[in-house]
PDB file of N, CA and C in Angstrom:
ATOM      1  N   MET A   1       0.813  -1.189   0.000  1.00  0.00           N
ATOM      2  CA  MET A   1       0.000   0.000   0.000  1.00  0.00           C
ATOM      3  C   MET A   1       0.862   1.261   0.000  1.00  0.00           C
ATOM      4  N   LEU A   2       1.898   1.263   0.805  1.00  0.00           N
ATOM      5  CA  LEU A   2       2.788   2.423   0.822  1.00  0.00           C
ATOM      6  C   LEU A   2       3.493   2.592  -0.513  1.00  0.00           C
ATOM      7  N   ASP A   3       3.795   1.470  -1.167  1.00  0.00           N
ATOM      8  CA  ASP A   3       4.467   1.564  -2.460  1.00  0.00           C
ATOM      9  C   ASP A   3       3.632   2.334  -3.470  1.00  0.00           C
ATOM     10  N   SER A   4       2.320   2.136  -3.454  1.00  0.00           N
ATOM     11  CA  SER A   4       1.476   2.859  -4.410  1.00  0.00           C
ATOM     12  C   SER A   4       1.442   4.350  -4.098  1.00  0.00           C
ATOM     13  N   ILE A   5       1.448   4.702  -2.817  1.00  0.00           N
ATOM     14  CA  ILE A   5       1.496   6.123  -2.440  1.00  0.00           C
ATOM     15  C   ILE A   5       2.839   6.715  -2.839  1.00  0.00           C
ATOM     16  N   PHE A   6       3.912   6.012  -2.507  1.00  0.00           N
ATOM     17  CA  PHE A   6       5.249   6.511  -2.814  1.00  0.00           C
ATOM     18  C   PHE A   6       5.478   6.590  -4.320  1.00  0.00           C
ATOM     19  N   TRP A   7       4.926   5.625  -5.052  1.00  0.00           N
ATOM     20  CA  TRP A   7       5.084   5.617  -6.509  1.00  0.00           C
ATOM     21  C   TRP A   7       4.481   6.880  -7.116  1.00  0.00           C
ATOM     22  N   ARG A   8       3.318   7.306  -6.582  1.00  0.00           N
ATOM     23  CA  ARG A   8       2.678   8.525  -7.096  1.00  0.00           C
ATOM     24  C   ARG A   8       3.464   9.775  -6.735  1.00  0.00           C
ATOM     25  N   LEU A   9       4.162   9.745  -5.615  1.00  0.00           N
ATOM     26  CA  LEU A   9       4.925  10.911  -5.175  1.00  0.00           C
ATOM     27  C   LEU A   9       6.313  10.981  -5.802  1.00  0.00           C
ATOM     28  N   GLU A  10       6.725   9.900  -6.478  1.00  0.00           N
ATOM     29  CA  GLU A  10       8.074   9.852  -7.051  1.00  0.00           C
ATOM     30  C   GLU A  10       8.367  11.013  -7.983  1.00  0.00           C
ATOM     31  N   LYS A  11       7.371  11.447  -8.729  1.00  0.00           N
ATOM     32  CA  LYS A  11       7.616  12.518  -9.698  1.00  0.00           C
ATOM     33  C   LYS A  11       7.964  13.842  -9.026  1.00  0.00           C
ATOM     34  N   TYR A  12       7.656  13.985  -7.736  1.00  0.00           N
ATOM     35  CA  TYR A  12       7.979  15.210  -7.005  1.00  0.00           C
ATOM     36  C   TYR A  12       9.326  15.135  -6.302  1.00  0.00           C
ATOM     37  N   GLY A  13       9.942  13.976  -6.310  1.00  0.00           N
ATOM     38  CA  GLY A  13      11.238  13.815  -5.664  1.00  0.00           C
ATOM     39  C   GLY A  13      11.134  14.011  -4.160  1.00  0.00           C
ATOM     40  N   SER A  14      12.112  14.719  -3.600  1.00  0.00           N
ATOM     41  CA  SER A  14      12.118  14.910  -2.149  1.00  0.00           C
ATOM     42  C   SER A  14      11.024  15.863  -1.678  1.00  0.00           C
ATOM     43  N   LEU A  15      10.421  16.611  -2.581  1.00  0.00           N
ATOM     44  CA  LEU A  15       9.281  17.455  -2.200  1.00  0.00           C
ATOM     45  C   LEU A  15       8.087  16.606  -1.767  1.00  0.00           C
ATOM     46  N   GLY A  16       8.067  15.361  -2.176  1.00  0.00           N
ATOM     47  CA  GLY A  16       6.997  14.460  -1.767  1.00  0.00           C
ATOM     48  C   GLY A  16       6.928  14.292  -0.257  1.00  0.00           C
ATOM     49  N   ALA A  17       8.085  14.386   0.413  1.00  0.00           N
ATOM     50  CA  ALA A  17       8.098  14.302   1.877  1.00  0.00           C
ATOM     51  C   ALA A  17       7.325  15.469   2.482  1.00  0.00           C
ATOM     52  N   TRP A  18       7.524  16.663   1.937  1.00  0.00           N
ATOM     53  CA  TRP A  18       6.776  17.835   2.416  1.00  0.00           C
ATOM     54  C   TRP A  18       5.294  17.695   2.106  1.00  0.00           C
ATOM     55  N   ILE A  19       4.979  17.118   0.967  1.00  0.00           N
ATOM     56  CA  ILE A  19       3.574  16.905   0.610  1.00  0.00           C
ATOM     57  C   ILE A  19       2.914  15.982   1.636  1.00  0.00           C
ATOM     58  N   LEU A  20       3.612  14.934   2.040  1.00  0.00           N
ATOM     59  CA  LEU A  20       3.073  14.022   3.052  1.00  0.00           C
ATOM     60  C   LEU A  20       2.848  14.731   4.384  1.00  0.00           C
ATOM     61  N   ILE A  21       3.848  15.483   4.836  1.00  0.00           N
ATOM     62  CA  ILE A  21       3.737  16.172   6.126  1.00  0.00           C
ATOM     63  C   ILE A  21       2.609  17.194   6.096  1.00  0.00           C
ATOM     64  N   LEU A  22       2.552  17.983   5.029  1.00  0.00           N
ATOM     65  CA  LEU A  22       1.525  19.023   4.951  1.00  0.00           C
ATOM     66  C   LEU A  22       0.123  18.440   4.791  1.00  0.00           C
ATOM     67  N   SER A  23       0.010  17.308   4.104  1.00  0.00           N
ATOM     68  CA  SER A  23      -1.320  16.702   3.972  1.00  0.00           C
ATOM     69  C   SER A  23      -1.833  16.220   5.327  1.00  0.00           C
ATOM     70  N   PHE A  24      -0.944  15.681   6.156  1.00  0.00           N
ATOM     71  CA  PHE A  24      -1.365  15.279   7.494  1.00  0.00           C
ATOM     72  C   PHE A  24      -1.647  16.492   8.376  1.00  0.00           C
ATOM     73  N   ALA A  25      -0.928  17.595   8.158  1.00  0.00           N
ATOM     74  CA  ALA A  25      -1.208  18.821   8.912  1.00  0.00           C
ATOM     75  C   ALA A  25      -2.595  19.361   8.563  1.00  0.00           C
ATOM     76  N   VAL A  26      -2.949  19.302   7.289  1.00  0.00           N
ATOM     77  CA  VAL A  26      -4.282  19.746   6.869  1.00  0.00           C
ATOM     78  C   VAL A  26      -5.353  18.844   7.479  1.00  0.00           C
ATOM     79  N   LEU A  27      -5.098  17.548   7.481  1.00  0.00           N
ATOM     80  CA  LEU A  27      -6.039  16.616   8.105  1.00  0.00           C
ATOM     81  C   LEU A  27      -6.237  16.931   9.583  1.00  0.00           C
ATOM     82  N   GLY A  28      -5.149  17.194  10.285  1.00  0.00           N
ATOM     83  CA  GLY A  28      -5.239  17.544  11.700  1.00  0.00           C
ATOM     84  C   GLY A  28      -5.978  18.851  11.911  1.00  0.00           C
ATOM     85  N   SER A  29      -5.754  19.807  11.024  1.00  0.00           N
ATOM     86  CA  SER A  29      -6.445  21.092  11.128  1.00  0.00           C
ATOM     87  C   SER A  29      -7.942  20.930  10.916  1.00  0.00           C
ATOM     88  N   LEU A  30      -8.320  20.114   9.947  1.00  0.00           N
ATOM     89  CA  LEU A  30      -9.743  19.875   9.704  1.00  0.00           C
ATOM     90  C   LEU A  30     -10.403  19.174  10.890  1.00  0.00           C
ATOM     91  N   LEU A  31      -9.707  18.213  11.455  1.00  0.00           N
ATOM     92  CA  LEU A  31     -10.228  17.519  12.630  1.00  0.00           C
ATOM     93  C   LEU A  31     -10.395  18.484  13.799  1.00  0.00           C
ATOM     94  N   ALA A  32      -9.373  19.309  14.039  1.00  0.00           N
ATOM     95  CA  ALA A  32      -9.442  20.268  15.136  1.00  0.00           C
ATOM     96  C   ALA A  32     -10.541  21.300  14.904  1.00  0.00           C
ATOM     97  N   ALA A  33     -10.692  21.764  13.672  1.00  0.00           N
ATOM     98  CA  ALA A  33     -11.739  22.747  13.370  1.00  0.00           C
ATOM     99  C   ALA A  33     -13.127  22.150  13.586  1.00  0.00           C
ATOM    100  N   ALA A  34     -13.301  20.903  13.176  1.00  0.00           N
ATOM    101  CA  ALA A  34     -14.600  20.253  13.370  1.00  0.00           C
ATOM    102  C   ALA A  34     -14.915  20.093  14.852  1.00  0.00           C
ATOM    103  N   LEU A  35     -13.925  19.689  15.630  1.00  0.00           N
ATOM    104  CA  LEU A  35     -14.150  19.532  17.064  1.00  0.00           C
ATOM    105  C   LEU A  35     -14.357  20.878  17.754  1.00  0.00           C
ATOM    106  N   LYS A  36     -13.694  21.913  17.256  1.00  0.00           N
ATOM    107  CA  LYS A  36     -13.872  23.265  17.818  1.00  0.00           C
ATOM    108  C   LYS A  36     -15.292  23.760  17.560  1.00  0.00           C
ATOM    109  N   ILE A  37     -15.791  23.528  16.356  1.00  0.00           N
ATOM    110  CA  ILE A  37     -17.155  23.941  16.018  1.00  0.00           C
ATOM    111  C   ILE A  37     -18.166  23.225  16.917  1.00  0.00           C
ATOM    112  N   LEU A  38     -17.891  21.974  17.216  1.00  0.00           N
ATOM    113  CA  LEU A  38     -18.786  21.220  18.089  1.00  0.00           C
ATOM    114  C   LEU A  38     -18.637  21.620  19.556  1.00  0.00           C
ATOM    115  N   GLY A  39     -17.633  22.446  19.861  1.00  0.00           N
ATOM    116  CA  GLY A  39     -17.450  22.956  21.212  1.00  0.00           C
ATOM    117  C   GLY A  39     -16.669  22.056  22.146  1.00  0.00           C
ATOM    118  N   TYR A  40     -15.899  21.130  21.597  1.00  0.00           N
ATOM    119  CA  TYR A  40     -15.161  20.198  22.440  1.00  0.00           C
ATOM    120  C   TYR A  40     -13.753  20.656  22.801  1.00  0.00           C
ATOM    121  N   LEU A  41     -13.240  21.661  22.113  1.00  0.00           N
ATOM    122  CA  LEU A  41     -11.823  21.964  22.271  1.00  0.00           C
ATOM    123  C   LEU A  41     -11.542  23.371  22.762  1.00  0.00           C
ATOM    124  N   HIS A  42     -10.404  23.473  23.433  1.00  0.00           N
ATOM    125  CA  HIS A  42      -9.837  24.757  23.818  1.00  0.00           C
ATOM    126  C   HIS A  42      -8.669  25.033  22.873  1.00  0.00           C
ATOM    127  N   PRO A  43      -8.201  26.279  22.770  1.00  0.00           N
ATOM    128  CA  PRO A  43      -7.130  26.602  21.803  1.00  0.00           C
ATOM    129  C   PRO A  43      -5.873  25.743  21.944  1.00  0.00           C
ATOM    130  N   PHE A  44      -5.420  25.475  23.164  1.00  0.00           N
ATOM    131  CA  PHE A  44      -4.212  24.668  23.338  1.00  0.00           C
ATOM    132  C   PHE A  44      -4.426  23.249  22.832  1.00  0.00           C
ATOM    133  N   THR A  45      -5.603  22.717  23.031  1.00  0.00           N
ATOM    134  CA  THR A  45      -5.912  21.367  22.563  1.00  0.00           C
ATOM    135  C   THR A  45      -5.911  21.307  21.043  1.00  0.00           C
ATOM    136  N   ILE A  46      -6.375  22.361  20.400  1.00  0.00           N
ATOM    137  CA  ILE A  46      -6.370  22.413  18.931  1.00  0.00           C
ATOM    138  C   ILE A  46      -4.945  22.341  18.404  1.00  0.00           C
ATOM    139  N   ILE A  47      -4.060  23.134  18.992  1.00  0.00           N
ATOM    140  CA  ILE A  47      -2.653  23.127  18.566  1.00  0.00           C
ATOM    141  C   ILE A  47      -2.047  21.741  18.788  1.00  0.00           C
ATOM    142  N   SER A  48      -2.366  21.130  19.910  1.00  0.00           N
ATOM    143  CA  SER A  48      -1.836  19.796  20.212  1.00  0.00           C
ATOM    144  C   SER A  48      -2.285  18.769  19.188  1.00  0.00           C
ATOM    145  N   ILE A  49      -3.551  18.807  18.814  1.00  0.00           N
ATOM    146  CA  ILE A  49      -4.062  17.847  17.830  1.00  0.00           C
ATOM    147  C   ILE A  49      -3.361  18.028  16.490  1.00  0.00           C
ATOM    148  N   VAL A  50      -3.210  19.263  16.049  1.00  0.00           N
ATOM    149  CA  VAL A  50      -2.558  19.511  14.761  1.00  0.00           C
ATOM    150  C   VAL A  50      -1.113  19.031  14.792  1.00  0.00           C
ATOM    151  N   VAL A  51      -0.395  19.334  15.861  1.00  0.00           N
ATOM    152  CA  VAL A  51       1.010  18.919  15.959  1.00  0.00           C
ATOM    153  C   VAL A  51       1.124  17.402  16.020  1.00  0.00           C
ATOM    154  N   ILE A  52       0.285  16.761  16.813  1.00  0.00           N
ATOM    155  CA  ILE A  52       0.363  15.301  16.945  1.00  0.00           C
ATOM    156  C   ILE A  52      -0.005  14.611  15.639  1.00  0.00           C
ATOM    157  N   VAL A  53      -1.071  15.051  15.000  1.00  0.00           N
ATOM    158  CA  VAL A  53      -1.503  14.410  13.751  1.00  0.00           C
ATOM    159  C   VAL A  53      -0.498  14.667  12.637  1.00  0.00           C
ATOM    160  N   ALA A  54       0.127  15.840  12.609  1.00  0.00           N
ATOM    161  CA  ALA A  54       1.103  16.141  11.561  1.00  0.00           C
ATOM    162  C   ALA A  54       2.448  15.491  11.854  1.00  0.00           C
ATOM    163  N   ALA A  55       2.859  15.498  13.112  1.00  0.00           N
ATOM    164  CA  ALA A  55       4.201  15.037  13.449  1.00  0.00           C
ATOM    165  C   ALA A  55       4.342  13.525  13.381  1.00  0.00           C
ATOM    166  N   ILE A  56       3.432  12.828  13.998  1.00  0.00           N
ATOM    167  CA  ILE A  56       3.635  11.383  14.108  1.00  0.00           C
ATOM    168  C   ILE A  56       3.518  10.672  12.759  1.00  0.00           C
ATOM    169  N   PRO A  57       2.343  10.601  12.128  1.00  0.00           N
ATOM    170  CA  PRO A  57       2.299   9.844  10.867  1.00  0.00           C
ATOM    171  C   PRO A  57       2.965  10.569   9.705  1.00  0.00           C
ATOM    172  N   GLY A  58       2.864  11.892   9.665  1.00  0.00           N
ATOM    173  CA  GLY A  58       3.442  12.639   8.549  1.00  0.00           C
ATOM    174  C   GLY A  58       4.951  12.506   8.473  1.00  0.00           C
ATOM    175  N   VAL A  59       5.610  12.688   9.597  1.00  0.00           N
ATOM    176  CA  VAL A  59       7.072  12.614   9.615  1.00  0.00           C
ATOM    177  C   VAL A  59       7.544  11.181   9.421  1.00  0.00           C
ATOM    178  N   ILE A  60       6.869  10.234  10.028  1.00  0.00           N
ATOM    179  CA  ILE A  60       7.263   8.827   9.845  1.00  0.00           C
ATOM    180  C   ILE A  60       7.133   8.427   8.376  1.00  0.00           C
ATOM    181  N   LEU A  61       6.014   8.781   7.743  1.00  0.00           N
ATOM    182  CA  LEU A  61       5.852   8.459   6.324  1.00  0.00           C
ATOM    183  C   LEU A  61       6.859   9.209   5.463  1.00  0.00           C
ATOM    184  N   ALA A  62       7.184  10.443   5.834  1.00  0.00           N
ATOM    185  CA  ALA A  62       8.170  11.205   5.070  1.00  0.00           C
ATOM    186  C   ALA A  62       9.543  10.539   5.134  1.00  0.00           C
ATOM    187  N   VAL A  63       9.922  10.060   6.300  1.00  0.00           N
ATOM    188  CA  VAL A  63      11.210   9.366   6.436  1.00  0.00           C
ATOM    189  C   VAL A  63      11.205   8.071   5.629  1.00  0.00           C
ATOM    190  N   LEU A  64      10.112   7.324   5.699  1.00  0.00           N
ATOM    191  CA  LEU A  64      10.013   6.098   4.903  1.00  0.00           C
ATOM    192  C   LEU A  64      10.059   6.406   3.408  1.00  0.00           C
ATOM    193  N   TYR A  65       9.418   7.502   3.015  1.00  0.00           N
ATOM    194  CA  TYR A  65       9.413   7.898   1.606  1.00  0.00           C
ATOM    195  C   TYR A  65      10.818   8.273   1.141  1.00  0.00           C
ATOM    196  N   LEU A  66      11.553   9.027   1.951  1.00  0.00           N
ATOM    197  CA  LEU A  66      12.920   9.394   1.572  1.00  0.00           C
ATOM    198  C   LEU A  66      13.810   8.158   1.482  1.00  0.00           C
ATOM    199  N   ASP A  67      13.590   7.187   2.360  1.00  0.00           N
ATOM    200  CA  ASP A  67      14.324   5.924   2.280  1.00  0.00           C
ATOM    201  C   ASP A  67      13.961   5.174   1.004  1.00  0.00           C
ATOM    202  N   TYR A  68      12.687   5.207   0.644  1.00  0.00           N
ATOM    203  CA  TYR A  68      12.222   4.586  -0.603  1.00  0.00           C
ATOM    204  C   TYR A  68      12.906   5.232  -1.807  1.00  0.00           C
ATOM    205  N   LEU A  69      12.992   6.564  -1.801  1.00  0.00           N
ATOM    206  CA  LEU A  69      13.667   7.257  -2.906  1.00  0.00           C
ATOM    207  C   LEU A  69      15.135   6.858  -2.987  1.00  0.00           C
ATOM    208  N   LYS A  70      15.764   6.727  -1.832  1.00  0.00           N
ATOM    209  CA  LYS A  70      17.179   6.344  -1.796  1.00  0.00           C
ATOM    210  C   LYS A  70      17.367   4.933  -2.356  1.00  0.00           C
ATOM    211  N   GLU A  71      16.471   4.020  -1.988  1.00  0.00           N
ATOM    212  CA  GLU A  71      16.570   2.638  -2.463  1.00  0.00           C
ATOM    213  C   GLU A  71      16.325   2.522  -3.961  1.00  0.00           C
ATOM    214  N   THR A  72      15.403   3.336  -4.485  1.00  0.00           N
ATOM    215  CA  THR A  72      15.089   3.246  -5.907  1.00  0.00           C
ATOM    216  C   THR A  72      16.021   4.087  -6.770  1.00  0.00           C
ATOM    217  N   GLY A  73      16.912   4.841  -6.133  1.00  0.00           N
ATOM    218  CA  GLY A  73      17.900   5.602  -6.886  1.00  0.00           C
ATOM    219  C   GLY A  73      17.447   6.958  -7.370  1.00  0.00           C
ATOM    220  N   HIS A  74      16.360   7.489  -6.846  1.00  0.00           N
ATOM    221  CA  HIS A  74      15.901   8.827  -7.226  1.00  0.00           C
ATOM    222  C   HIS A  74      16.589   9.877  -6.377  1.00  0.00           C
ATOM    223  N   LYS A  75      16.615  11.096  -6.894  1.00  0.00           N
ATOM    224  CA  LYS A  75      17.233  12.200  -6.149  1.00  0.00           C
ATOM    225  C   LYS A  75      16.214  12.909  -5.316  1.00  0.00           C
TER     226      LYS A  75
END
C-alpha cells in the first residue's frame, strides 16, 4: 500500500516528503476545526491535535518515503 502512495509521489522527488507532512497537517487542522465547532476543544488542545496528527504519521511516512527514494535511486 505504501508503495502505491510513494510511486505517485516519485515525480515530485524529495518534495513528496513535504507533501506528506503538509497533507497530514491539513487533516489535523480539519479535525481540530470540526471539534472546535462542536465545542469540544480549547485553543491549546487544537494546537496539540494539529502537531500530533502532523508530526507522528506525517514525519514517519516522510522518512520512509525518503528511504524509498534512496533505495530506488531517485534524487
